[in-house]
Amino acid sequence: MTETELIAACRQGSSRAQKQLYEQFSGLMLSVCLRYLRRREDAEEALIVGFTKVFRALDQYRHEGSFEGWIRRIVVNEALGMLRRKEPLHMAIDDLTYDVPAVAATAESQLSADDMLALLAGLPAGYRTVFNLYALEGYSHPEIGELLGISEGTSKSQLSKARGMLQRRLAVANSEARPAAPTTSSPKELYATGRY
């Protein structure tokens, strides 16, 4: 069944098509909700309410742009609503660790995707939300300001602070994950271990 046929069947009330649509997108949308909400139960609730809204609003989808993107906007808005109810979204006060130097992001991180998501989840709500909206969802600062009821400057500031905090935490996590280098190594040993 093509996406257009699936949408049409869902609009006609086919429970089979609705189940297929839910199964096709729920895993991805749950991961979106988990980036905003710390508790899995809250993320699952936002997902279910979000999909209820998707099914109710299917007649409004005009086949302009990505269907996945349309669903994502609804689910993100639901996750933001849940976040406002569950966790204060005031813009966080700096709690950066200043004794750990900021490092440039590299593709050579020793951390898994789950570890990276855990670092992101550990950010204060304001930092995490702006980072998610800007870096992962692709919203502009004016759009974020409108969504969250903050100024464009506050959005930029929160993003900058979130990046700084993530860099510092990533540096700490990478140093903990990386085995200590031997104190004396020949160039041959370094080359053999990939550290040369």
N, C-alpha and C. Protein backbone atom coordinates (compact mmCIF):
# COMPACT_ATOMS: atom_id res chain seq x y z
N MET A 1 0.85 -1.17 0.00
CA MET A 1 0.00 0.00 0.00
C MET A 1 0.90 1.24 0.00
N THR A 2 0.66 2.14 -0.93
CA THR A 2 1.45 3.37 -0.99
C THR A 2 1.04 4.29 0.15
N GLU A 3 1.86 5.31 0.38
CA GLU A 3 1.56 6.27 1.45
C GLU A 3 0.22 6.97 1.19
N THR A 4 -0.05 7.34 -0.05
CA THR A 4 -1.30 8.00 -0.41
C THR A 4 -2.49 7.08 -0.15
N GLU A 5 -2.34 5.82 -0.51
CA GLU A 5 -3.42 4.84 -0.27
C GLU A 5 -3.62 4.62 1.23
N LEU A 6 -2.52 4.57 1.96
CA LEU A 6 -2.60 4.38 3.41
C LEU A 6 -3.33 5.55 4.07
N ILE A 7 -2.99 6.76 3.66
CA ILE A 7 -3.66 7.95 4.21
C ILE A 7 -5.14 7.93 3.88
N ALA A 8 -5.46 7.58 2.63
CA ALA A 8 -6.87 7.53 2.21
C ALA A 8 -7.64 6.49 3.03
N ALA A 9 -7.04 5.33 3.25
CA ALA A 9 -7.70 4.28 4.03
C ALA A 9 -7.89 4.72 5.49
N CYS A 10 -6.91 5.41 6.03
CA CYS A 10 -7.04 5.93 7.40
C CYS A 10 -8.16 6.96 7.47
N ARG A 11 -8.26 7.81 6.47
CA ARG A 11 -9.33 8.82 6.44
C ARG A 11 -10.70 8.17 6.37
N GLN A 12 -10.78 6.99 5.77
CA GLN A 12 -12.06 6.27 5.68
C GLN A 12 -12.35 5.47 6.94
N GLY A 13 -11.44 5.52 7.91
CA GLY A 13 -11.67 4.87 9.20
C GLY A 13 -11.20 3.44 9.29
N SER A 14 -10.36 2.98 8.37
CA SER A 14 -9.87 1.61 8.39
C SER A 14 -8.92 1.43 9.58
N SER A 15 -9.34 0.57 10.52
CA SER A 15 -8.49 0.33 11.70
C SER A 15 -7.21 -0.39 11.30
N ARG A 16 -7.27 -1.20 10.27
CA ARG A 16 -6.09 -1.90 9.78
C ARG A 16 -5.05 -0.90 9.24
N ALA A 17 -5.52 0.08 8.48
CA ALA A 17 -4.63 1.11 7.93
C ALA A 17 -4.08 1.98 9.05
N GLN A 18 -4.92 2.31 10.03
CA GLN A 18 -4.45 3.12 11.16
C GLN A 18 -3.37 2.38 11.93
N LYS A 19 -3.55 1.09 12.11
CA LYS A 19 -2.54 0.28 12.81
C LYS A 19 -1.24 0.28 12.01
N GLN A 20 -1.35 0.12 10.69
CA GLN A 20 -0.16 0.11 9.84
C GLN A 20 0.57 1.45 9.90
N LEU A 21 -0.18 2.55 9.85
CA LEU A 21 0.42 3.87 9.91
C LEU A 21 1.12 4.07 11.26
N TYR A 22 0.45 3.68 12.33
CA TYR A 22 1.03 3.80 13.67
C TYR A 22 2.32 2.98 13.77
N GLU A 23 2.27 1.74 13.31
CA GLU A 23 3.45 0.88 13.40
C GLU A 23 4.60 1.41 12.54
N GLN A 24 4.27 2.03 11.43
CA GLN A 24 5.29 2.56 10.53
C GLN A 24 6.04 3.75 11.14
N PHE A 25 5.34 4.61 11.88
CA PHE A 25 5.94 5.84 12.38
C PHE A 25 6.14 5.90 13.89
N SER A 26 5.55 5.01 14.66
CA SER A 26 5.59 5.16 16.12
C SER A 26 6.99 5.03 16.71
N GLY A 27 7.81 4.15 16.19
CA GLY A 27 9.16 4.00 16.74
C GLY A 27 9.98 5.27 16.60
N LEU A 28 9.95 5.84 15.41
CA LEU A 28 10.67 7.09 15.17
C LEU A 28 10.11 8.22 16.01
N MET A 29 8.79 8.31 16.10
CA MET A 29 8.17 9.40 16.85
C MET A 29 8.37 9.23 18.36
N LEU A 30 8.48 8.00 18.83
CA LEU A 30 8.78 7.79 20.25
C LEU A 30 10.18 8.31 20.56
N SER A 31 11.12 8.06 19.66
CA SER A 31 12.47 8.58 19.90
C SER A 31 12.47 10.11 19.91
N VAL A 32 11.63 10.73 19.11
CA VAL A 32 11.49 12.19 19.13
C VAL A 32 10.98 12.63 20.50
N CYS A 33 9.93 11.98 20.98
CA CYS A 33 9.36 12.33 22.29
C CYS A 33 10.37 12.13 23.41
N LEU A 34 11.17 11.08 23.32
CA LEU A 34 12.17 10.80 24.36
C LEU A 34 13.26 11.85 24.42
N ARG A 35 13.49 12.55 23.33
CA ARG A 35 14.49 13.62 23.35
C ARG A 35 14.00 14.83 24.14
N TYR A 36 12.70 15.00 24.24
CA TYR A 36 12.13 16.15 24.96
C TYR A 36 11.76 15.80 26.39
N LEU A 37 11.29 14.59 26.61
CA LEU A 37 10.75 14.20 27.91
C LEU A 37 11.67 13.18 28.57
N ARG A 38 12.00 13.40 29.82
CA ARG A 38 12.97 12.54 30.51
C ARG A 38 12.39 11.16 30.84
N ARG A 39 11.12 11.11 31.17
CA ARG A 39 10.51 9.84 31.59
C ARG A 39 9.87 9.15 30.39
N ARG A 40 10.14 7.87 30.24
CA ARG A 40 9.60 7.10 29.11
C ARG A 40 8.07 7.10 29.13
N GLU A 41 7.49 7.03 30.32
CA GLU A 41 6.03 7.02 30.42
C GLU A 41 5.43 8.31 29.85
N ASP A 42 6.08 9.44 30.12
CA ASP A 42 5.61 10.71 29.58
C ASP A 42 5.75 10.73 28.06
N ALA A 43 6.88 10.21 27.57
CA ALA A 43 7.11 10.17 26.12
C ALA A 43 6.07 9.28 25.43
N GLU A 44 5.75 8.15 26.05
CA GLU A 44 4.75 7.25 25.46
C GLU A 44 3.37 7.91 25.47
N GLU A 45 3.05 8.62 26.54
CA GLU A 45 1.77 9.32 26.60
C GLU A 45 1.70 10.41 25.52
N ALA A 46 2.77 11.16 25.36
CA ALA A 46 2.80 12.20 24.32
C ALA A 46 2.66 11.57 22.94
N LEU A 47 3.28 10.42 22.74
CA LEU A 47 3.17 9.71 21.46
C LEU A 47 1.73 9.31 21.17
N ILE A 48 1.06 8.73 22.16
CA ILE A 48 -0.32 8.26 21.97
C ILE A 48 -1.26 9.44 21.71
N VAL A 49 -1.13 10.48 22.51
CA VAL A 49 -1.98 11.66 22.31
C VAL A 49 -1.66 12.31 20.96
N GLY A 50 -0.36 12.34 20.61
CA GLY A 50 0.04 12.90 19.32
C GLY A 50 -0.57 12.13 18.16
N PHE A 51 -0.55 10.80 18.22
CA PHE A 51 -1.13 10.02 17.13
C PHE A 51 -2.65 10.14 17.09
N THR A 52 -3.27 10.32 18.24
CA THR A 52 -4.72 10.57 18.25
C THR A 52 -5.00 11.86 17.47
N LYS A 53 -4.18 12.88 17.68
CA LYS A 53 -4.34 14.14 16.96
C LYS A 53 -4.03 13.97 15.47
N VAL A 54 -3.05 13.13 15.15
CA VAL A 54 -2.73 12.86 13.74
C VAL A 54 -3.95 12.26 13.05
N PHE A 55 -4.56 11.26 13.66
CA PHE A 55 -5.71 10.61 13.03
C PHE A 55 -6.90 11.56 12.89
N ARG A 56 -7.09 12.42 13.88
CA ARG A 56 -8.18 13.40 13.81
C ARG A 56 -7.93 14.46 12.74
N ALA A 57 -6.67 14.78 12.49
CA ALA A 57 -6.33 15.88 11.58
C ALA A 57 -5.94 15.40 10.18
N LEU A 58 -6.08 14.11 9.89
CA LEU A 58 -5.66 13.61 8.58
C LEU A 58 -6.32 14.34 7.41
N ASP A 59 -7.55 14.79 7.59
CA ASP A 59 -8.22 15.52 6.51
C ASP A 59 -7.53 16.84 6.21
N GLN A 60 -6.75 17.35 7.15
CA GLN A 60 -6.05 18.62 6.95
C GLN A 60 -4.72 18.45 6.22
N TYR A 61 -4.22 17.22 6.12
CA TYR A 61 -2.96 16.98 5.42
C TYR A 61 -3.20 17.15 3.92
N ARG A 62 -2.43 18.03 3.29
CA ARG A 62 -2.64 18.40 1.89
C ARG A 62 -1.62 17.79 0.94
N HIS A 63 -0.85 16.82 1.38
CA HIS A 63 0.16 16.17 0.55
C HIS A 63 1.20 17.16 0.04
N GLU A 64 1.45 18.19 0.81
CA GLU A 64 2.50 19.16 0.51
C GLU A 64 3.62 18.92 1.50
N GLY A 65 4.77 18.56 1.01
CA GLY A 65 5.87 18.24 1.91
C GLY A 65 5.77 16.81 2.40
N SER A 66 6.66 16.49 3.29
CA SER A 66 6.77 15.13 3.81
C SER A 66 5.66 14.81 4.80
N PHE A 67 5.04 13.64 4.63
CA PHE A 67 4.03 13.18 5.57
C PHE A 67 4.66 12.92 6.93
N GLU A 68 5.87 12.35 6.92
CA GLU A 68 6.59 12.12 8.17
C GLU A 68 6.84 13.45 8.90
N GLY A 69 7.21 14.47 8.16
CA GLY A 69 7.44 15.79 8.75
C GLY A 69 6.16 16.37 9.34
N TRP A 70 5.04 16.14 8.68
CA TRP A 70 3.74 16.61 9.18
C TRP A 70 3.41 15.92 10.50
N ILE A 71 3.61 14.60 10.54
CA ILE A 71 3.38 13.85 11.78
C ILE A 71 4.33 14.34 12.87
N ARG A 72 5.59 14.54 12.50
CA ARG A 72 6.60 14.97 13.47
C ARG A 72 6.22 16.30 14.11
N ARG A 73 5.71 17.25 13.33
CA ARG A 73 5.32 18.55 13.89
C ARG A 73 4.23 18.38 14.94
N ILE A 74 3.26 17.52 14.66
CA ILE A 74 2.18 17.28 15.62
C ILE A 74 2.74 16.64 16.89
N VAL A 75 3.59 15.65 16.74
CA VAL A 75 4.15 14.93 17.88
C VAL A 75 5.08 15.84 18.69
N VAL A 76 5.90 16.64 18.02
CA VAL A 76 6.77 17.58 18.73
C VAL A 76 5.94 18.56 19.54
N ASN A 77 4.87 19.09 18.95
CA ASN A 77 4.01 20.03 19.68
C ASN A 77 3.39 19.36 20.90
N GLU A 78 3.01 18.11 20.77
CA GLU A 78 2.43 17.39 21.91
C GLU A 78 3.50 17.15 22.98
N ALA A 79 4.71 16.80 22.56
CA ALA A 79 5.81 16.60 23.52
C ALA A 79 6.13 17.91 24.25
N LEU A 80 6.12 19.03 23.52
CA LEU A 80 6.36 20.33 24.15
C LEU A 80 5.27 20.66 25.15
N GLY A 81 4.02 20.36 24.81
CA GLY A 81 2.91 20.59 25.74
C GLY A 81 3.06 19.77 27.00
N MET A 82 3.44 18.52 26.83
CA MET A 82 3.66 17.64 27.99
C MET A 82 4.85 18.15 28.81
N LEU A 83 5.90 18.61 28.14
CA LEU A 83 7.06 19.13 28.84
C LEU A 83 6.68 20.33 29.69
N ARG A 84 5.85 21.21 29.15
CA ARG A 84 5.41 22.39 29.92
C ARG A 84 4.63 21.97 31.17
N ARG A 85 3.86 20.89 31.06
CA ARG A 85 3.07 20.43 32.20
C ARG A 85 3.92 19.68 33.23
N LYS A 86 4.94 18.96 32.77
CA LYS A 86 5.69 18.07 33.66
C LYS A 86 6.97 18.68 34.22
N GLU A 87 7.59 19.56 33.47
CA GLU A 87 8.91 20.06 33.85
C GLU A 87 8.95 21.56 33.56
N PRO A 88 9.40 22.35 34.51
CA PRO A 88 9.45 23.79 34.23
C PRO A 88 10.36 24.07 33.05
N LEU A 89 9.85 24.86 32.12
CA LEU A 89 10.60 25.15 30.91
C LEU A 89 11.33 26.48 30.99
N HIS A 90 11.43 27.01 32.23
CA HIS A 90 12.17 28.26 32.35
C HIS A 90 13.57 28.03 31.80
N MET A 91 14.13 29.05 31.25
CA MET A 91 15.44 28.91 30.66
C MET A 91 16.46 28.72 31.77
N ALA A 92 17.21 27.66 31.66
CA ALA A 92 18.07 27.18 32.73
C ALA A 92 19.17 28.16 33.10
N ILE A 93 19.55 28.09 34.37
CA ILE A 93 20.67 28.88 34.88
C ILE A 93 21.94 28.09 34.59
N ASP A 94 23.00 28.81 34.25
CA ASP A 94 24.26 28.15 33.94
C ASP A 94 24.69 27.22 35.05
N ASP A 95 24.91 25.97 34.70
CA ASP A 95 25.54 25.05 35.65
C ASP A 95 26.66 24.32 34.92
N LEU A 96 27.36 25.07 34.07
CA LEU A 96 28.45 24.51 33.30
C LEU A 96 29.61 24.14 34.22
N THR A 97 30.31 23.11 33.83
CA THR A 97 31.49 22.72 34.55
C THR A 97 32.66 23.44 33.89
N TYR A 98 33.19 24.45 34.56
CA TYR A 98 34.20 25.30 33.94
C TYR A 98 35.60 24.71 33.98
N ASP A 99 35.82 23.69 34.79
CA ASP A 99 37.16 23.14 34.87
C ASP A 99 37.45 22.15 33.76
N VAL A 100 36.47 21.82 32.93
CA VAL A 100 36.67 20.92 31.81
C VAL A 100 36.66 21.76 30.54
N PRO A 101 37.76 21.77 29.78
CA PRO A 101 37.81 22.63 28.60
C PRO A 101 36.83 22.17 27.52
N ALA A 102 36.29 23.13 26.80
CA ALA A 102 35.44 22.82 25.66
C ALA A 102 36.31 22.22 24.57
N VAL A 103 35.77 21.25 23.87
CA VAL A 103 36.51 20.62 22.78
C VAL A 103 35.66 20.65 21.53
N ALA A 104 36.32 20.63 20.41
CA ALA A 104 35.58 20.58 19.14
C ALA A 104 34.96 19.21 19.00
N ALA A 105 33.75 19.17 18.45
CA ALA A 105 33.08 17.89 18.23
C ALA A 105 33.84 17.11 17.17
N THR A 106 33.97 15.80 17.40
CA THR A 106 34.64 14.95 16.41
C THR A 106 33.79 13.73 16.15
N ALA A 107 34.03 13.12 15.03
CA ALA A 107 33.30 11.90 14.68
C ALA A 107 33.91 10.69 15.35
N GLU A 108 34.97 10.87 16.11
CA GLU A 108 35.69 9.75 16.70
C GLU A 108 35.27 9.49 18.14
N SER A 109 34.09 9.89 18.51
CA SER A 109 33.62 9.70 19.87
C SER A 109 33.54 8.21 20.18
N GLN A 110 33.87 7.88 21.42
CA GLN A 110 33.82 6.50 21.87
C GLN A 110 32.43 6.13 22.38
N LEU A 111 31.50 7.07 22.36
CA LEU A 111 30.18 6.86 22.94
C LEU A 111 29.20 6.30 21.93
N SER A 112 28.26 5.53 22.43
CA SER A 112 27.20 4.99 21.57
C SER A 112 26.10 6.04 21.42
N ALA A 113 25.19 5.78 20.51
CA ALA A 113 24.06 6.69 20.32
C ALA A 113 23.25 6.82 21.60
N ASP A 114 23.08 5.72 22.33
CA ASP A 114 22.34 5.76 23.59
C ASP A 114 23.03 6.65 24.61
N ASP A 115 24.37 6.57 24.65
CA ASP A 115 25.12 7.43 25.57
C ASP A 115 24.96 8.90 25.20
N MET A 116 24.97 9.19 23.90
CA MET A 116 24.80 10.57 23.44
C MET A 116 23.40 11.08 23.81
N LEU A 117 22.39 10.23 23.63
CA LEU A 117 21.03 10.63 24.00
C LEU A 117 20.92 10.84 25.50
N ALA A 118 21.64 10.04 26.28
CA ALA A 118 21.63 10.23 27.74
C ALA A 118 22.27 11.57 28.11
N LEU A 119 23.35 11.95 27.42
CA LEU A 119 23.96 13.26 27.66
C LEU A 119 22.96 14.37 27.33
N LEU A 120 22.26 14.22 26.23
CA LEU A 120 21.26 15.21 25.83
C LEU A 120 20.13 15.27 26.84
N ALA A 121 19.69 14.11 27.31
CA ALA A 121 18.59 14.06 28.29
C ALA A 121 19.00 14.71 29.60
N GLY A 122 20.29 14.73 29.91
CA GLY A 122 20.77 15.31 31.15
C GLY A 122 20.83 16.83 31.16
N LEU A 123 20.59 17.45 30.00
CA LEU A 123 20.58 18.91 29.96
C LEU A 123 19.36 19.46 30.68
N PRO A 124 19.46 20.66 31.23
CA PRO A 124 18.27 21.30 31.79
C PRO A 124 17.20 21.46 30.70
N ALA A 125 15.95 21.51 31.10
CA ALA A 125 14.83 21.50 30.15
C ALA A 125 14.94 22.58 29.08
N GLY A 126 15.27 23.79 29.45
CA GLY A 126 15.36 24.87 28.47
C GLY A 126 16.44 24.63 27.44
N TYR A 127 17.62 24.22 27.89
CA TYR A 127 18.73 23.94 26.98
C TYR A 127 18.34 22.80 26.04
N ARG A 128 17.84 21.72 26.63
CA ARG A 128 17.51 20.50 25.87
C ARG A 128 16.46 20.80 24.80
N THR A 129 15.45 21.57 25.18
CA THR A 129 14.36 21.85 24.25
C THR A 129 14.83 22.69 23.08
N VAL A 130 15.56 23.75 23.35
CA VAL A 130 16.05 24.61 22.27
C VAL A 130 17.03 23.83 21.39
N PHE A 131 17.92 23.04 21.99
CA PHE A 131 18.87 22.24 21.21
C PHE A 131 18.13 21.28 20.29
N ASN A 132 17.15 20.56 20.83
CA ASN A 132 16.37 19.63 20.02
C ASN A 132 15.68 20.33 18.86
N LEU A 133 15.01 21.43 19.17
CA LEU A 133 14.25 22.13 18.13
C LEU A 133 15.17 22.68 17.04
N TYR A 134 16.32 23.21 17.43
CA TYR A 134 17.21 23.82 16.45
C TYR A 134 18.07 22.78 15.73
N ALA A 135 18.81 21.99 16.49
CA ALA A 135 19.81 21.10 15.90
C ALA A 135 19.21 19.83 15.31
N LEU A 136 18.14 19.33 15.90
CA LEU A 136 17.61 18.05 15.45
C LEU A 136 16.33 18.18 14.62
N GLU A 137 15.51 19.16 14.92
CA GLU A 137 14.25 19.33 14.19
C GLU A 137 14.36 20.35 13.07
N GLY A 138 15.37 21.22 13.12
CA GLY A 138 15.57 22.18 12.05
C GLY A 138 14.76 23.47 12.13
N TYR A 139 14.23 23.77 13.31
CA TYR A 139 13.49 25.03 13.49
C TYR A 139 14.48 26.19 13.54
N SER A 140 14.04 27.36 13.08
CA SER A 140 14.86 28.57 13.17
C SER A 140 14.65 29.20 14.55
N HIS A 141 15.52 30.13 14.91
CA HIS A 141 15.38 30.79 16.21
C HIS A 141 14.07 31.57 16.32
N PRO A 142 13.62 32.28 15.26
CA PRO A 142 12.31 32.94 15.37
C PRO A 142 11.17 31.94 15.60
N GLU A 143 11.24 30.79 14.92
CA GLU A 143 10.20 29.76 15.11
C GLU A 143 10.24 29.20 16.53
N ILE A 144 11.45 28.97 17.05
CA ILE A 144 11.58 28.45 18.41
C ILE A 144 11.03 29.47 19.40
N GLY A 145 11.38 30.74 19.17
CA GLY A 145 10.86 31.79 20.04
C GLY A 145 9.35 31.79 20.09
N GLU A 146 8.73 31.63 18.92
CA GLU A 146 7.27 31.61 18.85
C GLU A 146 6.70 30.38 19.54
N LEU A 147 7.31 29.22 19.31
CA LEU A 147 6.84 27.98 19.93
C LEU A 147 6.93 28.02 21.45
N LEU A 148 8.02 28.58 21.97
CA LEU A 148 8.27 28.54 23.41
C LEU A 148 7.92 29.83 24.13
N GLY A 149 7.55 30.85 23.39
CA GLY A 149 7.21 32.12 24.02
C GLY A 149 8.42 32.83 24.58
N ILE A 150 9.55 32.74 23.86
CA ILE A 150 10.78 33.41 24.29
C ILE A 150 11.28 34.27 23.13
N SER A 151 12.25 35.12 23.41
CA SER A 151 12.81 35.95 22.35
C SER A 151 13.78 35.14 21.49
N GLU A 152 14.05 35.63 20.31
CA GLU A 152 15.02 35.00 19.42
C GLU A 152 16.41 34.97 20.08
N GLY A 153 16.76 36.06 20.77
CA GLY A 153 18.04 36.13 21.47
C GLY A 153 18.16 35.09 22.57
N THR A 154 17.07 34.87 23.30
CA THR A 154 17.08 33.85 24.35
C THR A 154 17.27 32.47 23.74
N SER A 155 16.62 32.23 22.60
CA SER A 155 16.78 30.95 21.92
C SER A 155 18.23 30.74 21.53
N LYS A 156 18.86 31.77 20.96
CA LYS A 156 20.28 31.66 20.56
C LYS A 156 21.17 31.43 21.77
N SER A 157 20.89 32.12 22.85
CA SER A 157 21.68 31.99 24.07
C SER A 157 21.55 30.57 24.63
N GLN A 158 20.33 30.05 24.69
CA GLN A 158 20.10 28.71 25.21
C GLN A 158 20.81 27.66 24.35
N LEU A 159 20.80 27.85 23.03
CA LEU A 159 21.49 26.92 22.14
C LEU A 159 22.99 26.95 22.40
N SER A 160 23.54 28.13 22.53
CA SER A 160 24.98 28.27 22.79
C SER A 160 25.35 27.61 24.11
N LYS A 161 24.57 27.83 25.14
CA LYS A 161 24.85 27.23 26.44
C LYS A 161 24.68 25.71 26.40
N ALA A 162 23.68 25.24 25.65
CA ALA A 162 23.48 23.79 25.51
C ALA A 162 24.67 23.16 24.82
N ARG A 163 25.14 23.78 23.75
CA ARG A 163 26.30 23.24 23.03
C ARG A 163 27.54 23.20 23.93
N GLY A 164 27.76 24.28 24.69
CA GLY A 164 28.91 24.31 25.59
C GLY A 164 28.83 23.21 26.64
N MET A 165 27.65 23.04 27.21
CA MET A 165 27.49 22.02 28.23
C MET A 165 27.67 20.63 27.63
N LEU A 166 27.11 20.40 26.43
CA LEU A 166 27.27 19.09 25.78
C LEU A 166 28.73 18.82 25.45
N GLN A 167 29.45 19.83 24.96
CA GLN A 167 30.87 19.65 24.65
C GLN A 167 31.65 19.25 25.89
N ARG A 168 31.38 19.91 26.99
CA ARG A 168 32.10 19.61 28.22
C ARG A 168 31.76 18.21 28.73
N ARG A 169 30.50 17.88 28.70
CA ARG A 169 30.10 16.54 29.15
C ARG A 169 30.61 15.45 28.21
N LEU A 170 30.65 15.76 26.93
CA LEU A 170 31.18 14.81 25.95
C LEU A 170 32.68 14.58 26.18
N ALA A 171 33.40 15.65 26.48
CA ALA A 171 34.83 15.53 26.77
C ALA A 171 35.06 14.64 27.98
N VAL A 172 34.27 14.84 29.02
CA VAL A 172 34.39 14.02 30.23
C VAL A 172 34.04 12.57 29.91
N ALA A 173 32.93 12.36 29.21
CA ALA A 173 32.50 10.99 28.89
C ALA A 173 33.51 10.28 28.00
N ASN A 174 34.06 11.00 27.02
CA ASN A 174 35.06 10.39 26.14
C ASN A 174 36.33 10.05 26.89
N SER A 175 36.74 10.92 27.82
CA SER A 175 37.96 10.63 28.57
C SER A 175 37.75 9.42 29.48
N GLU A 176 36.53 9.24 29.97
CA GLU A 176 36.23 8.08 30.81
C GLU A 176 36.12 6.81 29.98
N ALA A 177 35.67 6.93 28.72
CA ALA A 177 35.48 5.77 27.87
C ALA A 177 36.77 5.34 27.19
N ARG A 178 37.70 6.27 27.02
CA ARG A 178 38.95 6.00 26.31
C ARG A 178 39.94 5.34 27.26
N PRO A 179 40.54 4.23 26.86
CA PRO A 179 41.55 3.60 27.73
C PRO A 179 42.75 4.53 27.86
N ALA A 180 43.33 4.50 29.02
CA ALA A 180 44.51 5.34 29.27
C ALA A 180 45.65 4.90 28.37
N ALA A 181 46.35 5.87 27.80
CA ALA A 181 47.48 5.57 26.93
C ALA A 181 48.66 5.12 27.79
N PRO A 182 49.41 4.16 27.32
CA PRO A 182 50.58 3.72 28.08
C PRO A 182 51.57 4.88 28.17
N THR A 183 52.31 4.88 29.25
CA THR A 183 53.23 6.00 29.48
C THR A 183 54.39 5.98 28.50
N THR A 184 54.85 4.80 28.12
CA THR A 184 55.93 4.73 27.14
C THR A 184 55.49 3.82 26.01
N SER A 185 55.43 4.37 24.83
CA SER A 185 55.05 3.59 23.67
C SER A 185 55.96 3.95 22.52
N SER A 186 56.36 2.95 21.81
CA SER A 186 57.16 3.20 20.62
C SER A 186 56.21 3.60 19.50
N PRO A 187 56.73 4.26 18.46
CA PRO A 187 55.87 4.60 17.32
C PRO A 187 55.20 3.37 16.72
N LYS A 188 55.91 2.24 16.73
CA LYS A 188 55.34 1.01 16.18
C LYS A 188 54.12 0.57 17.00
N GLU A 189 54.21 0.66 18.36
CA GLU A 189 53.09 0.30 19.23
C GLU A 189 51.92 1.25 19.03
N LEU A 190 52.22 2.53 18.92
CA LEU A 190 51.16 3.52 18.70
C LEU A 190 50.45 3.27 17.37
N TYR A 191 51.21 2.95 16.33
CA TYR A 191 50.64 2.69 15.01
C TYR A 191 49.75 1.45 15.06
N ALA A 192 50.21 0.43 15.76
CA ALA A 192 49.48 -0.85 15.85
C ALA A 192 48.14 -0.67 16.59
N THR A 193 48.10 0.24 17.55
CA THR A 193 46.87 0.44 18.31
C THR A 193 45.98 1.53 17.73
N GLY A 194 46.44 2.16 16.64
CA GLY A 194 45.63 3.21 16.02
C GLY A 194 45.75 4.55 16.68
N ARG A 195 46.71 4.74 17.60
CA ARG A 195 46.85 6.02 18.30
C ARG A 195 47.95 6.88 17.69
N TYR A 196 48.51 6.48 16.53
CA TYR A 196 49.60 7.22 15.91
C TYR A 196 49.11 7.94 14.70
